[in-house]
C-alpha atoms as a PDB file:
ATOM      1  CA  MET A   1       0.000   0.000   0.000  1.00  0.00           C
ATOM      2  CA  SER A   2       1.392   3.410  -0.941  1.00  0.00           C
ATOM      3  CA  ARG A   3       1.865   6.272   1.492  1.00  0.00           C
ATOM      4  CA  PHE A   4      -1.015   8.061  -0.250  1.00  0.00           C
ATOM      5  CA  ASN A   5      -3.383   5.161   0.411  1.00  0.00           C
ATOM      6  CA  ASP A   6      -2.231   4.949   4.030  1.00  0.00           C
ATOM      7  CA  LYS A   7      -3.000   8.635   4.506  1.00  0.00           C
ATOM      8  CA  PHE A   8      -6.367   8.196   2.758  1.00  0.00           C
ATOM      9  CA  GLU A   9      -7.342   5.334   5.072  1.00  0.00           C
ATOM     10  CA  ARG A  10      -6.191   7.195   8.188  1.00  0.00           C
ATOM     11  CA  ALA A  11      -8.073  10.350   7.207  1.00  0.00           C
ATOM     12  CA  SER A  12     -11.319   8.494   6.549  1.00  0.00           C
ATOM     13  CA  ASP A  13     -11.123   6.721   9.925  1.00  0.00           C
ATOM     14  CA  THR A  14      -9.885   9.683  11.978  1.00  0.00           C
ATOM     15  CA  PRO A  15     -12.616  11.711  13.646  1.00  0.00           C
ATOM     16  CA  LEU A  16     -10.360  14.750  13.860  1.00  0.00           C
ATOM     17  CA  SER A  17      -9.985  14.830  10.047  1.00  0.00           C
ATOM     18  CA  TRP A  18     -13.747  15.159   9.733  1.00  0.00           C
ATOM     19  CA  HIS A  19     -13.902  17.670  12.586  1.00  0.00           C
ATOM     20  CA  ASN A  20     -11.159  19.814  11.042  1.00  0.00           C
ATOM     21  CA  SER A  21     -13.047  19.972   7.742  1.00  0.00           C
ATOM     22  CA  SER A  22     -16.185  20.965   9.630  1.00  0.00           C
ATOM     23  CA  THR A  23     -14.261  23.712  11.415  1.00  0.00           C
ATOM     24  CA  ASP A  24     -12.829  24.960   8.105  1.00  0.00           C
ATOM     25  CA  LEU A  25     -16.326  25.261   6.613  1.00  0.00           C
ATOM     26  CA  ARG A  26     -17.596  26.940   9.788  1.00  0.00           C
ATOM     27  CA  SER A  27     -14.821  29.535   9.524  1.00  0.00           C
ATOM     28  CA  ALA A  28     -15.695  30.136   5.857  1.00  0.00           C
ATOM     29  CA  ALA A  29     -19.329  30.658   6.921  1.00  0.00           C
ATOM     30  CA  ALA A  30     -18.115  33.127   9.559  1.00  0.00           C
ATOM     31  CA  ALA A  31     -16.146  35.044   6.915  1.00  0.00           C
ATOM     32  CA  VAL A  32     -19.198  35.252   4.643  1.00  0.00           C
ATOM     33  CA  TRP A  33     -21.346  36.328   7.601  1.00  0.00           C
ATOM     34  CA  TRP A  34     -18.843  39.056   8.442  1.00  0.00           C
ATOM     35  CA  ALA A  35     -18.733  40.139   4.779  1.00  0.00           C
ATOM     36  CA  MET A  36     -22.527  40.519   4.826  1.00  0.00           C
ATOM     37  CA  SER A  37     -22.464  42.762   7.910  1.00  0.00           C
ATOM     38  CA  ALA A  38     -23.031  46.494   7.882  1.00  0.00           C
ATOM     39  CA  GLY A  39     -19.903  48.475   7.193  1.00  0.00           C
ATOM     40  CA  GLN A  40     -18.197  45.550   5.497  1.00  0.00           C
ATOM     41  CA  ARG A  41     -20.417  44.654   2.568  1.00  0.00           C
ATOM     42  CA  GLU A  42     -19.982  47.922   0.685  1.00  0.00           C
ATOM     43  CA  THR A  43     -16.201  47.955   1.188  1.00  0.00           C
ATOM     44  CA  ILE A  44     -15.810  44.334   0.122  1.00  0.00           C
ATOM     45  CA  ALA A  45     -18.060  44.785  -2.913  1.00  0.00           C
ATOM     46  CA  ALA A  46     -16.041  47.824  -3.991  1.00  0.00           C
ATOM     47  CA  LYS A  47     -12.599  46.276  -3.349  1.00  0.00           C
ATOM     48  CA  CYS A  48     -13.546  43.102  -5.212  1.00  0.00           C
ATOM     49  CA  GLY A  49     -15.098  44.981  -8.130  1.00  0.00           C
ATOM     50  CA  LEU A  50     -18.495  43.356  -7.680  1.00  0.00           C
ATOM     51  CA  GLY A  51     -20.295  46.334  -9.176  1.00  0.00           C
ATOM     52  CA  GLU A  52     -22.287  49.342  -8.072  1.00  0.00           C
ATOM     53  CA  GLY A  53     -25.242  48.365  -5.914  1.00  0.00           C
ATOM     54  CA  PHE A  54     -24.065  44.781  -5.369  1.00  0.00           C
ATOM     55  CA  ASP A  55     -25.555  43.678  -2.038  1.00  0.00           C
ATOM     56  CA  LEU A  56     -23.686  40.984  -0.152  1.00  0.00           C
ATOM     57  CA  ARG A  57     -26.594  40.638   2.289  1.00  0.00           C
ATOM     58  CA  VAL A  58     -28.615  39.193  -0.570  1.00  0.00           C
ATOM     59  CA  ALA A  59     -25.912  37.533  -2.658  1.00  0.00           C
ATOM     60  CA  GLY A  60     -24.012  36.054   0.286  1.00  0.00           C
ATOM     61  CA  ARG A  61     -26.933  34.466   2.125  1.00  0.00           C
ATOM     62  CA  PRO A  62     -27.314  31.283   0.006  1.00  0.00           C
ATOM     63  CA  GLY A  63     -23.589  30.519   0.174  1.00  0.00           C
ATOM     64  CA  TYR A  64     -23.503  31.284   3.887  1.00  0.00           C
ATOM     65  CA  GLU A  65     -26.350  28.829   4.518  1.00  0.00           C
ATOM     66  CA  MET A  66     -24.711  26.181   2.314  1.00  0.00           C
ATOM     67  CA  LEU A  67     -21.431  26.499   4.244  1.00  0.00           C
ATOM     68  CA  CYS A  68     -23.309  26.304   7.562  1.00  0.00           C
ATOM     69  CA  GLY A  69     -25.123  23.168   6.434  1.00  0.00           C
ATOM     70  CA  MET A  70     -22.000  21.503   5.088  1.00  0.00           C
ATOM     71  CA  SER A  71     -20.146  22.308   8.304  1.00  0.00           C
ATOM     72  CA  LEU A  72     -22.849  20.643  10.397  1.00  0.00           C
ATOM     73  CA  GLU A  73     -22.968  17.662   8.035  1.00  0.00           C
ATOM     74  CA  LEU A  74     -19.237  17.054   8.491  1.00  0.00           C
ATOM     75  CA  LEU A  75     -19.489  17.557  12.241  1.00  0.00           C
ATOM     76  CA  TYR A  76     -22.265  14.955  12.479  1.00  0.00           C
ATOM     77  CA  LYS A  77     -20.143  12.594  10.389  1.00  0.00           C
ATOM     78  CA  ALA A  78     -17.143  13.292  12.667  1.00  0.00           C
ATOM     79  CA  ILE A  79     -19.298  12.179  15.586  1.00  0.00           C
ATOM     80  CA  ALA A  80     -20.242   9.015  13.684  1.00  0.00           C
ATOM     81  CA  VAL A  81     -16.552   8.233  13.078  1.00  0.00           C
ATOM     82  CA  ALA A  82     -15.743   8.942  16.739  1.00  0.00           C
ATOM     83  CA  LYS A  83     -18.527   6.551  17.764  1.00  0.00           C
ATOM     84  CA  ARG A  84     -17.248   3.974  15.238  1.00  0.00           C
ATOM     85  CA  LYS A  85     -20.518   4.097  13.353  1.00  0.00           C
ATOM     86  CA  LYS A  86     -20.940   3.816   9.610  1.00  0.00           C
ATOM     87  CA  ILE A  87     -20.762   7.170   7.808  1.00  0.00           C
ATOM     88  CA  LEU A  88     -24.091   7.848   6.133  1.00  0.00           C
ATOM     89  CA  THR A  89     -23.647   9.195   2.608  1.00  0.00           C
ATOM     90  CA  HIS A  90     -26.553  11.629   2.364  1.00  0.00           C
ATOM     91  CA  HIS A  91     -26.955  15.281   3.372  1.00  0.00           C
ATOM     92  CA  ARG A  92     -30.187  15.140   5.416  1.00  0.00           C
ATOM     93  CA  LEU A  93     -29.140  16.942   8.569  1.00  0.00           C
ATOM     94  CA  VAL A  94     -32.084  15.985  10.782  1.00  0.00           C
ATOM     95  CA  GLU A  95     -31.452  12.299  10.082  1.00  0.00           C
ATOM     96  CA  LEU A  96     -27.696  12.666  10.526  1.00  0.00           C
ATOM     97  CA  SER A  97     -28.084  14.451  13.857  1.00  0.00           C
ATOM     98  CA  GLU A  98     -30.517  11.804  15.115  1.00  0.00           C
ATOM     99  CA  TYR A  99     -28.198   9.042  13.884  1.00  0.00           C
ATOM    100  CA  VAL A 100     -25.380  10.319  16.100  1.00  0.00           C
ATOM    101  CA  GLY A 101     -27.666  10.890  19.095  1.00  0.00           C
ATOM    102  CA  ILE A 102     -28.257  14.629  19.004  1.00  0.00           C
ATOM    103  CA  GLU A 103     -31.786  15.505  20.045  1.00  0.00           C
ATOM    104  CA  SER A 104     -33.378  18.471  18.308  1.00  0.00           C
ATOM    105  CA  ASP A 105     -36.527  20.421  19.055  1.00  0.00           C
ATOM    106  CA  ALA A 106     -38.972  21.540  16.346  1.00  0.00           C
ATOM    107  CA  ARG A 107     -37.137  24.851  15.861  1.00  0.00           C
ATOM    108  CA  GLU A 108     -33.785  23.161  15.371  1.00  0.00           C
ATOM    109  CA  LYS A 109     -35.271  20.559  13.019  1.00  0.00           C
ATOM    110  CA  GLY A 110     -36.750  23.348  10.919  1.00  0.00           C
ATOM    111  CA  LEU A 111     -33.394  25.121  10.713  1.00  0.00           C
ATOM    112  CA  LEU A 112     -31.651  21.852   9.842  1.00  0.00           C
ATOM    113  CA  GLY A 113     -34.251  21.308   7.114  1.00  0.00           C
ATOM    114  CA  ILE A 114     -33.442  24.711   5.614  1.00  0.00           C
ATOM    115  CA  LEU A 115     -29.714  23.997   5.767  1.00  0.00           C
ATOM    116  CA  THR A 116     -30.272  20.593   4.131  1.00  0.00           C
ATOM    117  CA  GLN A 117     -31.947  22.359   1.210  1.00  0.00           C
ATOM    118  CA  ALA A 118     -29.027  24.810   1.077  1.00  0.00           C
ATOM    119  CA  ILE A 119     -26.587  21.905   0.712  1.00  0.00           C
ATOM    120  CA  LYS A 120     -28.823  20.168  -1.802  1.00  0.00           C
ATOM    121  CA  TRP A 121     -29.710  23.118  -4.032  1.00  0.00           C
ATOM    122  CA  SER A 122     -30.484  26.595  -2.671  1.00  0.00           C
ATOM    123  CA  GLY A 123     -26.843  27.449  -1.969  1.00  0.00           C
ATOM    124  CA  ARG A 124     -25.762  26.224  -5.401  1.00  0.00           C
ATOM    125  CA  TYR A 125     -28.524  26.579  -7.996  1.00  0.00           C
ATOM    126  CA  PRO A 126     -31.332  29.042  -8.782  1.00  0.00           C
ATOM    127  CA  ILE A 127     -33.925  26.250  -8.652  1.00  0.00           C
ATOM    128  CA  PRO A 128     -34.003  22.632  -7.473  1.00  0.00           C
ATOM    129  CA  LYS A 129     -34.496  19.636  -9.762  1.00  0.00           C
ATOM    130  CA  GLU A 130     -37.969  19.056  -8.380  1.00  0.00           C
ATOM    131  CA  ARG A 131     -40.814  21.427  -7.543  1.00  0.00           C
ATOM    132  CA  ARG A 132     -41.446  19.750  -4.171  1.00  0.00           C
ATOM    133  CA  ASP A 133     -37.988  20.861  -2.958  1.00  0.00           C
ATOM    134  CA  TRP A 134     -38.833  24.439  -3.952  1.00  0.00           C
ATOM    135  CA  ASP A 135     -42.155  24.280  -2.103  1.00  0.00           C
ATOM    136  CA  GLN A 136     -40.609  22.591   0.954  1.00  0.00           C
ATOM    137  CA  THR A 137     -37.878  25.215   1.175  1.00  0.00           C
ATOM    138  CA  ALA A 138     -40.391  28.064   0.872  1.00  0.00           C
ATOM    139  CA  HIS A 139     -42.530  26.504   3.601  1.00  0.00           C
ATOM    140  CA  LEU A 140     -39.569  25.944   5.954  1.00  0.00           C
ATOM    141  CA  ARG A 141     -38.294  29.489   5.419  1.00  0.00           C
ATOM    142  CA  THR A 142     -41.713  31.041   6.048  1.00  0.00           C
ATOM    143  CA  GLU A 143     -42.275  28.925   9.150  1.00  0.00           C
ATOM    144  CA  HIS A 144     -38.830  29.267  10.735  1.00  0.00           C
ATOM    145  CA  LEU A 145     -37.135  32.426   9.458  1.00  0.00           C
ATOM    146  CA  TYR A 146     -40.023  34.895   9.813  1.00  0.00           C
ATOM    147  CA  THR A 147     -42.418  36.066  12.484  1.00  0.00           C
ATOM    148  CA  LYS A 148     -45.952  37.205  11.627  1.00  0.00           C
ATOM    149  CA  VAL A 149     -46.448  40.759  12.842  1.00  0.00           C
ATOM    150  CA  PRO A 150     -49.981  42.195  12.971  1.00  0.00           C
ATOM    151  CA  LEU A 151     -50.410  45.330  10.910  1.00  0.00           C
ATOM    152  CA  GLY A 152     -53.957  46.613  11.084  1.00  0.00           C
ATOM    153  CA  SER A 153     -56.346  44.079   9.541  1.00  0.00           C
ATOM    154  CA  PHE A 154     -53.545  41.883   8.159  1.00  0.00           C
ATOM    155  CA  SER A 155     -50.063  40.768   9.120  1.00  0.00           C
ATOM    156  CA  VAL A 156     -46.620  40.982   7.548  1.00  0.00           C
ATOM    157  CA  LEU A 157     -43.640  38.660   7.774  1.00  0.00           C
ATOM    158  CA  ARG A 158     -40.597  40.063   9.529  1.00  0.00           C
ATOM    159  CA  PRO A 159     -37.207  38.274   9.568  1.00  0.00           C
ATOM    160  CA  ASN A 160     -36.619  36.827  13.031  1.00  0.00           C
ATOM    161  CA  GLY A 161     -32.831  36.377  12.981  1.00  0.00           C
ATOM    162  CA  GLU A 162     -32.882  32.600  12.934  1.00  0.00           C
ATOM    163  CA  LEU A 163     -29.897  31.204  11.019  1.00  0.00           C
ATOM    164  CA  ASP A 164     -27.932  34.338  11.695  1.00  0.00           C
ATOM    165  CA  TRP A 165     -24.434  33.606  13.006  1.00  0.00           C
ATOM    166  CA  LEU A 166     -25.422  33.236  16.669  1.00  0.00           C
ATOM    167  CA  SER A 167     -28.268  30.857  15.849  1.00  0.00           C
ATOM    168  CA  PHE A 168     -26.143  28.699  13.548  1.00  0.00           C
ATOM    169  CA  ASN A 169     -23.231  28.732  15.972  1.00  0.00           C
ATOM    170  CA  GLU A 170     -25.534  27.502  18.739  1.00  0.00           C
ATOM    171  CA  LEU A 171     -26.395  24.444  16.599  1.00  0.00           C
ATOM    172  CA  TRP A 172     -22.738  23.871  15.770  1.00  0.00           C
ATOM    173  CA  LEU A 173     -21.513  24.174  19.366  1.00  0.00           C
ATOM    174  CA  LYS A 174     -24.200  21.761  20.545  1.00  0.00           C
ATOM    175  CA  ALA A 175     -22.894  19.123  18.126  1.00  0.00           C
ATOM    176  CA  ASP A 176     -19.269  20.023  18.849  1.00  0.00           C
ATOM    177  CA  GLN A 177     -19.811  19.234  22.526  1.00  0.00           C
ATOM    178  CA  VAL A 178     -21.081  15.765  21.580  1.00  0.00           C
ATOM    179  CA  TYR A 179     -18.076  15.309  19.299  1.00  0.00           C
ATOM    180  CA  TRP A 180     -15.581  16.063  22.078  1.00  0.00           C
ATOM    181  CA  GLU A 181     -17.412  13.739  24.481  1.00  0.00           C
ATOM    182  CA  HIS A 182     -16.678  10.865  22.069  1.00  0.00           C
ATOM    183  CA  HIS A 183     -13.466  11.991  20.408  1.00  0.00           C
ATOM    184  CA  TYR A 184     -11.162  10.435  22.964  1.00  0.00           C
ATOM    185  CA  ASP A 185     -13.074   7.144  22.931  1.00  0.00           C
ATOM    186  CA  SER A 186     -12.099   6.535  19.291  1.00  0.00           C
END
């Protein structure tokens, strides 16, 4: 067996390899989040030549969510490796989190559903392959990322801050704690 194959085998069976990749994606998500923040987005758009009126709050959000989702996916898979469980080969975050023993409430499951769609399509393509994914994503976003606010005889949807950095980081740190509880057992 060549040195390359030895390294390949070690990396696939080493929980820390998976955890490090999760951390790398989390840091990329943090950088995108920072780039979308007030005071940064205009400077970055100008310095990178993105064009007059380019809004990183809008353009950066899908990529940010995709990076968040991919980071959690790798963290859940790191936990599976640490627990000596088979690595599941799909991207469904609710199932992956349950598989490694992380309990989630309805709010967290909704956010994980949105991030699953970001990995699958909304962070990468303008539309999904199937209409049901479009409809599911719209439903999850309406239900979990907005609050209905009464306005006279009707109500409007106002963003509620879910999946902002603090909300995502809370999900990540919850899983990270489980990872470190099992890391030394592997």
